[in-house]
PDB file of N, CA and C in Angstrom:
ATOM      1  N   MET A   1      68.599 138.450  22.248  1.00  0.00           N
ATOM      2  CA  MET A   1      69.896 138.014  22.751  1.00  0.00           C
ATOM      3  C   MET A   1      69.946 136.492  22.823  1.00  0.00           C
ATOM      4  N   THR A   2      71.085 135.971  22.523  1.00  0.00           N
ATOM      5  CA  THR A   2      71.278 134.532  22.575  1.00  0.00           C
ATOM      6  C   THR A   2      71.726 134.127  23.976  1.00  0.00           C
ATOM      7  N   SER A   3      71.157 133.049  24.484  1.00  0.00           N
ATOM      8  CA  SER A   3      71.593 132.601  25.803  1.00  0.00           C
ATOM      9  C   SER A   3      72.774 131.650  25.648  1.00  0.00           C
ATOM     10  N   PHE A   4      73.550 131.551  26.705  1.00  0.00           N
ATOM     11  CA  PHE A   4      74.733 130.697  26.731  1.00  0.00           C
ATOM     12  C   PHE A   4      74.895 130.172  28.142  1.00  0.00           C
ATOM     13  N   ALA A   5      75.688 129.127  28.281  1.00  0.00           N
ATOM     14  CA  ALA A   5      75.876 128.498  29.592  1.00  0.00           C
ATOM     15  C   ALA A   5      77.051 129.124  30.335  1.00  0.00           C
ATOM     16  N   VAL A   6      76.851 129.353  31.623  1.00  0.00           N
ATOM     17  CA  VAL A   6      77.927 129.785  32.521  1.00  0.00           C
ATOM     18  C   VAL A   6      77.857 128.910  33.768  1.00  0.00           C
ATOM     19  N   THR A   7      78.983 128.774  34.425  1.00  0.00           N
ATOM     20  CA  THR A   7      79.025 128.086  35.714  1.00  0.00           C
ATOM     21  C   THR A   7      79.036 129.144  36.793  1.00  0.00           C
ATOM     22  N   VAL A   8      78.103 129.040  37.719  1.00  0.00           N
ATOM     23  CA  VAL A   8      78.032 129.990  38.830  1.00  0.00           C
ATOM     24  C   VAL A   8      78.452 129.255  40.095  1.00  0.00           C
ATOM     25  N   ARG A   9      79.408 129.821  40.809  1.00  0.00           N
ATOM     26  CA  ARG A   9      79.886 129.230  42.054  1.00  0.00           C
ATOM     27  C   ARG A   9      79.570 130.186  43.202  1.00  0.00           C
ATOM     28  N   TYR A  10      79.171 129.593  44.317  1.00  0.00           N
ATOM     29  CA  TYR A  10      78.833 130.364  45.517  1.00  0.00           C
ATOM     30  C   TYR A  10      79.766 129.902  46.632  1.00  0.00           C
ATOM     31  N   PHE A  11      80.281 130.850  47.409  1.00  0.00           N
ATOM     32  CA  PHE A  11      81.213 130.530  48.471  1.00  0.00           C
ATOM     33  C   PHE A  11      80.770 131.101  49.819  1.00  0.00           C
ATOM     34  N   ALA A  12      81.206 130.435  50.876  1.00  0.00           N
ATOM     35  CA  ALA A  12      81.027 130.874  52.268  1.00  0.00           C
ATOM     36  C   ALA A  12      79.558 131.133  52.586  1.00  0.00           C
ATOM     37  N   SER A  13      79.240 132.294  53.154  1.00  0.00           N
ATOM     38  CA  SER A  13      77.868 132.556  53.592  1.00  0.00           C
ATOM     39  C   SER A  13      76.883 132.598  52.429  1.00  0.00           C
ATOM     40  N   VAL A  14      77.338 132.958  51.234  1.00  0.00           N
ATOM     41  CA  VAL A  14      76.440 132.961  50.073  1.00  0.00           C
ATOM     42  C   VAL A  14      76.044 131.516  49.748  1.00  0.00           C
ATOM     43  N   ARG A  15      77.012 130.605  49.773  1.00  0.00           N
ATOM     44  CA  ARG A  15      76.731 129.189  49.524  1.00  0.00           C
ATOM     45  C   ARG A  15      75.756 128.649  50.569  1.00  0.00           C
ATOM     46  N   GLU A  16      75.991 128.990  51.825  1.00  0.00           N
ATOM     47  CA  GLU A  16      75.101 128.527  52.895  1.00  0.00           C
ATOM     48  C   GLU A  16      73.677 129.030  52.681  1.00  0.00           C
ATOM     49  N   ALA A  17      73.543 130.279  52.255  1.00  0.00           N
ATOM     50  CA  ALA A  17      72.219 130.876  52.078  1.00  0.00           C
ATOM     51  C   ALA A  17      71.446 130.238  50.920  1.00  0.00           C
ATOM     52  N   VAL A  18      72.119 130.003  49.787  1.00  0.00           N
ATOM     53  CA  VAL A  18      71.406 129.490  48.613  1.00  0.00           C
ATOM     54  C   VAL A  18      71.354 127.970  48.577  1.00  0.00           C
ATOM     55  N   GLY A  19      72.142 127.322  49.420  1.00  0.00           N
ATOM     56  CA  GLY A  19      72.051 125.873  49.559  1.00  0.00           C
ATOM     57  C   GLY A  19      72.766 125.056  48.505  1.00  0.00           C
ATOM     58  N   THR A  20      73.644 125.680  47.738  1.00  0.00           N
ATOM     59  CA  THR A  20      74.425 124.946  46.744  1.00  0.00           C
ATOM     60  C   THR A  20      75.760 125.637  46.526  1.00  0.00           C
ATOM     61  N   GLY A  21      76.748 124.866  46.124  1.00  0.00           N
ATOM     62  CA  GLY A  21      78.075 125.429  45.863  1.00  0.00           C
ATOM     63  C   GLY A  21      78.251 125.893  44.436  1.00  0.00           C
ATOM     64  N   SER A  22      77.501 125.290  43.503  1.00  0.00           N
ATOM     65  CA  SER A  22      77.620 125.705  42.104  1.00  0.00           C
ATOM     66  C   SER A  22      76.428 125.220  41.303  1.00  0.00           C
ATOM     67  N   GLU A  23      76.241 125.848  40.162  1.00  0.00           N
ATOM     68  CA  GLU A  23      75.201 125.442  39.224  1.00  0.00           C
ATOM     69  C   GLU A  23      75.577 125.954  37.844  1.00  0.00           C
ATOM     70  N   THR A  24      75.049 125.291  36.847  1.00  0.00           N
ATOM     71  CA  THR A  24      75.222 125.749  35.470  1.00  0.00           C
ATOM     72  C   THR A  24      73.925 126.417  35.056  1.00  0.00           C
ATOM     73  N   LEU A  25      74.046 127.629  34.541  1.00  0.00           N
ATOM     74  CA  LEU A  25      72.873 128.404  34.130  1.00  0.00           C
ATOM     75  C   LEU A  25      72.967 128.766  32.660  1.00  0.00           C
ATOM     76  N   HIS A  26      71.813 128.859  32.026  1.00  0.00           N
ATOM     77  CA  HIS A  26      71.740 129.429  30.686  1.00  0.00           C
ATOM     78  C   HIS A  26      71.238 130.850  30.876  1.00  0.00           C
ATOM     79  N   THR A  27      71.989 131.800  30.370  1.00  0.00           N
ATOM     80  CA  THR A  27      71.681 133.212  30.582  1.00  0.00           C
ATOM     81  C   THR A  27      71.959 133.998  29.317  1.00  0.00           C
ATOM     82  N   ALA A  28      71.345 135.147  29.211  1.00  0.00           N
ATOM     83  CA  ALA A  28      71.658 136.093  28.151  1.00  0.00           C
ATOM     84  C   ALA A  28      72.298 137.340  28.764  1.00  0.00           C
ATOM     85  N   ALA A  29      72.627 137.267  30.068  1.00  0.00           N
ATOM     86  CA  ALA A  29      73.203 138.417  30.774  1.00  0.00           C
ATOM     87  C   ALA A  29      74.537 138.801  30.137  1.00  0.00           C
ATOM     88  N   PRO A  30      74.677 140.058  29.731  1.00  0.00           N
ATOM     89  CA  PRO A  30      75.929 140.475  29.098  1.00  0.00           C
ATOM     90  C   PRO A  30      77.065 140.724  30.095  1.00  0.00           C
ATOM     91  N   THR A  31      76.706 140.965  31.359  1.00  0.00           N
ATOM     92  CA  THR A  31      77.722 141.297  32.366  1.00  0.00           C
ATOM     93  C   THR A  31      77.478 140.524  33.654  1.00  0.00           C
ATOM     94  N   ALA A  32      78.486 140.514  34.517  1.00  0.00           N
ATOM     95  CA  ALA A  32      78.353 139.859  35.822  1.00  0.00           C
ATOM     96  C   ALA A  32      77.257 140.527  36.652  1.00  0.00           C
ATOM     97  N   GLY A  33      77.139 141.836  36.549  1.00  0.00           N
ATOM     98  CA  GLY A  33      76.100 142.550  37.284  1.00  0.00           C
ATOM     99  C   GLY A  33      74.704 142.176  36.809  1.00  0.00           C
ATOM    100  N   ALA A  34      74.545 142.002  35.505  1.00  0.00           N
ATOM    101  CA  ALA A  34      73.249 141.592  34.960  1.00  0.00           C
ATOM    102  C   ALA A  34      72.913 140.172  35.411  1.00  0.00           C
ATOM    103  N   LEU A  35      73.923 139.310  35.505  1.00  0.00           N
ATOM    104  CA  LEU A  35      73.691 137.959  36.014  1.00  0.00           C
ATOM    105  C   LEU A  35      73.268 138.017  37.480  1.00  0.00           C
ATOM    106  N   ARG A  36      73.918 138.866  38.259  1.00  0.00           N
ATOM    107  CA  ARG A  36      73.528 139.029  39.669  1.00  0.00           C
ATOM    108  C   ARG A  36      72.074 139.469  39.758  1.00  0.00           C
ATOM    109  N   ASP A  37      71.669 140.423  38.920  1.00  0.00           N
ATOM    110  CA  ASP A  37      70.276 140.882  38.907  1.00  0.00           C
ATOM    111  C   ASP A  37      69.329 139.740  38.559  1.00  0.00           C
ATOM    112  N   GLU A  38      69.732 138.905  37.605  1.00  0.00           N
ATOM    113  CA  GLU A  38      68.910 137.758  37.204  1.00  0.00           C
ATOM    114  C   GLU A  38      68.737 136.784  38.374  1.00  0.00           C
ATOM    115  N   LEU A  39      69.811 136.558  39.111  1.00  0.00           N
ATOM    116  CA  LEU A  39      69.733 135.664  40.266  1.00  0.00           C
ATOM    117  C   LEU A  39      68.879 136.274  41.380  1.00  0.00           C
ATOM    118  N   ILE A  40      69.018 137.578  41.615  1.00  0.00           N
ATOM    119  CA  ILE A  40      68.210 138.264  42.623  1.00  0.00           C
ATOM    120  C   ILE A  40      66.721 138.147  42.272  1.00  0.00           C
ATOM    121  N   ALA A  41      66.416 138.200  40.978  1.00  0.00           N
ATOM    122  CA  ALA A  41      65.024 138.128  40.528  1.00  0.00           C
ATOM    123  C   ALA A  41      64.382 136.774  40.826  1.00  0.00           C
ATOM    124  N   ARG A  42      65.188 135.758  41.111  1.00  0.00           N
ATOM    125  CA  ARG A  42      64.640 134.459  41.518  1.00  0.00           C
ATOM    126  C   ARG A  42      63.878 134.584  42.832  1.00  0.00           C
ATOM    127  N   GLY A  43      64.251 135.579  43.631  1.00  0.00           N
ATOM    128  CA  GLY A  43      63.619 135.771  44.928  1.00  0.00           C
ATOM    129  C   GLY A  43      64.235 134.861  45.983  1.00  0.00           C
ATOM    130  N   GLY A  44      63.579 134.799  47.121  1.00  0.00           N
ATOM    131  CA  GLY A  44      64.000 133.916  48.200  1.00  0.00           C
ATOM    132  C   GLY A  44      65.442 134.099  48.636  1.00  0.00           C
ATOM    133  N   ALA A  45      66.137 132.982  48.788  1.00  0.00           N
ATOM    134  CA  ALA A  45      67.506 132.999  49.299  1.00  0.00           C
ATOM    135  C   ALA A  45      68.449 133.777  48.390  1.00  0.00           C
ATOM    136  N   TRP A  46      68.233 133.706  47.058  1.00  0.00           N
ATOM    137  CA  TRP A  46      69.113 134.424  46.140  1.00  0.00           C
ATOM    138  C   TRP A  46      68.938 135.932  46.310  1.00  0.00           C
ATOM    139  N   ALA A  47      67.702 136.377  46.428  1.00  0.00           N
ATOM    140  CA  ALA A  47      67.440 137.810  46.598  1.00  0.00           C
ATOM    141  C   ALA A  47      68.086 138.322  47.872  1.00  0.00           C
ATOM    142  N   GLN A  48      68.035 137.510  48.903  1.00  0.00           N
ATOM    143  CA  GLN A  48      68.599 137.918  50.185  1.00  0.00           C
ATOM    144  C   GLN A  48      70.127 137.901  50.153  1.00  0.00           C
ATOM    145  N   ALA A  49      70.708 136.810  49.677  1.00  0.00           N
ATOM    146  CA  ALA A  49      72.167 136.644  49.720  1.00  0.00           C
ATOM    147  C   ALA A  49      72.905 137.566  48.761  1.00  0.00           C
ATOM    148  N   LEU A  50      72.274 137.899  47.622  1.00  0.00           N
ATOM    149  CA  LEU A  50      72.957 138.685  46.593  1.00  0.00           C
ATOM    150  C   LEU A  50      72.432 140.112  46.480  1.00  0.00           C
ATOM    151  N   ALA A  51      71.571 140.534  47.409  1.00  0.00           N
ATOM    152  CA  ALA A  51      70.977 141.878  47.365  1.00  0.00           C
ATOM    153  C   ALA A  51      72.049 142.946  47.191  1.00  0.00           C
ATOM    154  N   HIS A  52      71.693 143.995  46.476  1.00  0.00           N
ATOM    155  CA  HIS A  52      72.670 145.053  46.193  1.00  0.00           C
ATOM    156  C   HIS A  52      73.155 145.777  47.441  1.00  0.00           C
ATOM    157  N   GLY A  53      72.403 145.737  48.516  1.00  0.00           N
ATOM    158  CA  GLY A  53      72.839 146.371  49.752  1.00  0.00           C
ATOM    159  C   GLY A  53      73.868 145.546  50.522  1.00  0.00           C
ATOM    160  N   ARG A  54      74.069 144.299  50.098  1.00  0.00           N
ATOM    161  CA  ARG A  54      75.016 143.404  50.773  1.00  0.00           C
ATOM    162  C   ARG A  54      76.382 143.483  50.104  1.00  0.00           C
ATOM    163  N   ALA A  55      77.406 143.315  50.926  1.00  0.00           N
ATOM    164  CA  ALA A  55      78.769 143.291  50.393  1.00  0.00           C
ATOM    165  C   ALA A  55      79.017 141.907  49.792  1.00  0.00           C
ATOM    166  N   VAL A  56      79.033 141.848  48.478  1.00  0.00           N
ATOM    167  CA  VAL A  56      79.286 140.591  47.765  1.00  0.00           C
ATOM    168  C   VAL A  56      80.350 140.868  46.721  1.00  0.00           C
ATOM    169  N   ARG A  57      81.386 140.064  46.724  1.00  0.00           N
ATOM    170  CA  ARG A  57      82.442 140.191  45.716  1.00  0.00           C
ATOM    171  C   ARG A  57      82.100 139.285  44.542  1.00  0.00           C
ATOM    172  N   ILE A  58      82.629 139.626  43.383  1.00  0.00           N
ATOM    173  CA  ILE A  58      82.394 138.856  42.161  1.00  0.00           C
ATOM    174  C   ILE A  58      83.741 138.534  41.531  1.00  0.00           C
ATOM    175  N   ALA A  59      83.862 137.323  41.026  1.00  0.00           N
ATOM    176  CA  ALA A  59      85.028 136.957  40.222  1.00  0.00           C
ATOM    177  C   ALA A  59      84.513 136.341  38.923  1.00  0.00           C
ATOM    178  N   VAL A  60      85.170 136.666  37.829  1.00  0.00           N
ATOM    179  CA  VAL A  60      84.857 136.065  36.536  1.00  0.00           C
ATOM    180  C   VAL A  60      86.112 135.355  36.059  1.00  0.00           C
ATOM    181  N   ASP A  61      85.987 134.086  35.784  1.00  0.00           N
ATOM    182  CA  ASP A  61      87.124 133.258  35.377  1.00  0.00           C
ATOM    183  C   ASP A  61      88.288 133.395  36.359  1.00  0.00           C
ATOM    184  N   GLN A  62      87.953 133.345  37.642  1.00  0.00           N
ATOM    185  CA  GLN A  62      88.886 133.347  38.769  1.00  0.00           C
ATOM    186  C   GLN A  62      89.693 134.633  38.910  1.00  0.00           C
ATOM    187  N   ALA A  63      89.177 135.743  38.372  1.00  0.00           N
ATOM    188  CA  ALA A  63      89.798 137.053  38.565  1.00  0.00           C
ATOM    189  C   ALA A  63      88.744 137.987  39.153  1.00  0.00           C
ATOM    190  N   LEU A  64      89.122 138.728  40.205  1.00  0.00           N
ATOM    191  CA  LEU A  64      88.174 139.675  40.794  1.00  0.00           C
ATOM    192  C   LEU A  64      87.643 140.613  39.718  1.00  0.00           C
ATOM    193  N   ALA A  65      86.358 140.881  39.792  1.00  0.00           N
ATOM    194  CA  ALA A  65      85.718 141.694  38.765  1.00  0.00           C
ATOM    195  C   ALA A  65      84.641 142.555  39.409  1.00  0.00           C
ATOM    196  N   ASP A  66      84.105 143.475  38.628  1.00  0.00           N
ATOM    197  CA  ASP A  66      82.965 144.240  39.101  1.00  0.00           C
ATOM    198  C   ASP A  66      81.762 143.880  38.238  1.00  0.00           C
ATOM    199  N   GLY A  67      80.661 144.530  38.498  1.00  0.00           N
ATOM    200  CA  GLY A  67      79.433 144.206  37.793  1.00  0.00           C
ATOM    201  C   GLY A  67      79.483 144.457  36.300  1.00  0.00           C
ATOM    202  N   ALA A  68      80.436 145.271  35.843  1.00  0.00           N
ATOM    203  CA  ALA A  68      80.545 145.583  34.420  1.00  0.00           C
ATOM    204  C   ALA A  68      81.340 144.535  33.643  1.00  0.00           C
ATOM    205  N   ALA A  69      81.905 143.552  34.333  1.00  0.00           N
ATOM    206  CA  ALA A  69      82.726 142.537  33.664  1.00  0.00           C
ATOM    207  C   ALA A  69      81.874 141.765  32.656  1.00  0.00           C
ATOM    208  N   PRO A  70      82.340 141.671  31.412  1.00  0.00           N
ATOM    209  CA  PRO A  70      81.565 140.960  30.399  1.00  0.00           C
ATOM    210  C   PRO A  70      81.573 139.450  30.625  1.00  0.00           C
ATOM    211  N   LEU A  71      80.468 138.818  30.257  1.00  0.00           N
ATOM    212  CA  LEU A  71      80.368 137.363  30.343  1.00  0.00           C
ATOM    213  C   LEU A  71      80.465 136.764  28.946  1.00  0.00           C
ATOM    214  N   HIS A  72      80.825 135.497  28.898  1.00  0.00           N
ATOM    215  CA  HIS A  72      80.938 134.767  27.636  1.00  0.00           C
ATOM    216  C   HIS A  72      80.536 133.321  27.897  1.00  0.00           C
ATOM    217  N   ALA A  73      80.258 132.605  26.837  1.00  0.00           N
ATOM    218  CA  ALA A  73      79.904 131.193  26.960  1.00  0.00           C
ATOM    219  C   ALA A  73      81.024 130.462  27.692  1.00  0.00           C
ATOM    220  N   GLY A  74      80.649 129.673  28.690  1.00  0.00           N
ATOM    221  CA  GLY A  74      81.628 128.903  29.440  1.00  0.00           C
ATOM    222  C   GLY A  74      82.288 129.651  30.587  1.00  0.00           C
ATOM    223  N   ALA A  75      81.900 130.898  30.822  1.00  0.00           N
ATOM    224  CA  ALA A  75      82.506 131.682  31.907  1.00  0.00           C
ATOM    225  C   ALA A  75      82.194 131.033  33.254  1.00  0.00           C
ATOM    226  N   GLU A  76      83.117 131.228  34.192  1.00  0.00           N
ATOM    227  CA  GLU A  76      82.879 130.837  35.573  1.00  0.00           C
ATOM    228  C   GLU A  76      82.709 132.121  36.373  1.00  0.00           C
ATOM    229  N   VAL A  77      81.562 132.262  37.013  1.00  0.00           N
ATOM    230  CA  VAL A  77      81.265 133.455  37.797  1.00  0.00           C
ATOM    231  C   VAL A  77      81.104 133.032  39.247  1.00  0.00           C
ATOM    232  N   ALA A  78      81.846 133.676  40.137  1.00  0.00           N
ATOM    233  CA  ALA A  78      81.789 133.333  41.563  1.00  0.00           C
ATOM    234  C   ALA A  78      81.272 134.523  42.359  1.00  0.00           C
ATOM    235  N   PHE A  79      80.439 134.213  43.352  1.00  0.00           N
ATOM    236  CA  PHE A  79      79.917 135.216  44.275  1.00  0.00           C
ATOM    237  C   PHE A  79      80.340 134.803  45.679  1.00  0.00           C
ATOM    238  N   PHE A  80      80.917 135.756  46.422  1.00  0.00           N
ATOM    239  CA  PHE A  80      81.411 135.443  47.760  1.00  0.00           C
ATOM    240  C   PHE A  80      81.471 136.708  48.607  1.00  0.00           C
ATOM    241  N   PRO A  81      81.417 136.552  49.928  1.00  0.00           N
ATOM    242  CA  PRO A  81      81.523 137.722  50.797  1.00  0.00           C
ATOM    243  C   PRO A  81      82.964 138.218  50.830  1.00  0.00           C
ATOM    244  N   PRO A  82      83.166 139.497  51.168  1.00  0.00           N
ATOM    245  CA  PRO A  82      84.532 139.999  51.312  1.00  0.00           C
ATOM    246  C   PRO A  82      85.272 139.182  52.389  1.00  0.00           C
ATOM    247  N   VAL A  83      86.536 138.961  52.162  1.00  0.00           N
ATOM    248  CA  VAL A  83      87.349 138.195  53.112  1.00  0.00           C
ATOM    249  C   VAL A  83      88.133 139.180  53.952  1.00  0.00           C
ATOM    250  N   THR A  84      88.105 138.999  55.254  1.00  0.00           N
ATOM    251  CA  THR A  84      88.906 139.842  56.125  1.00  0.00           C
ATOM    252  C   THR A  84      90.084 139.040  56.637  1.00  0.00           C
ATOM    253  N   GLY A  85      91.182 139.684  56.763  1.00  0.00           N
ATOM    254  CA  GLY A  85      92.402 138.992  57.218  1.00  0.00           C
ATOM    255  C   GLY A  85      92.772 139.413  58.610  1.00  0.00           C
ATOM    256  N   GLY A  86      93.715 138.715  59.165  1.00  0.00           N
ATOM    257  CA  GLY A  86      94.117 139.045  60.517  1.00  0.00           C
ATOM    258  C   GLY A  86      95.590 138.936  60.709  1.00  0.00           C
TER     259      GLY A  86
END
């Protein structure tokens, strides 16, 4: 598989846990879920913040998505906790 660059953005408690708001990664992950798995495999704060047992929402190119959403070169992938309203 060929790797390509994506921009990964982290928001709210996920950003606080991993210590950065965004980064550019080279990945061969075909889907948003595969990218999440790749980040979890880093261990440490990423494994904790993005663990599959945690409620984490995903957006690809600023549209809500699920783990099956395909990735492409230049994609923007965001990870954030569910937002509750009042």
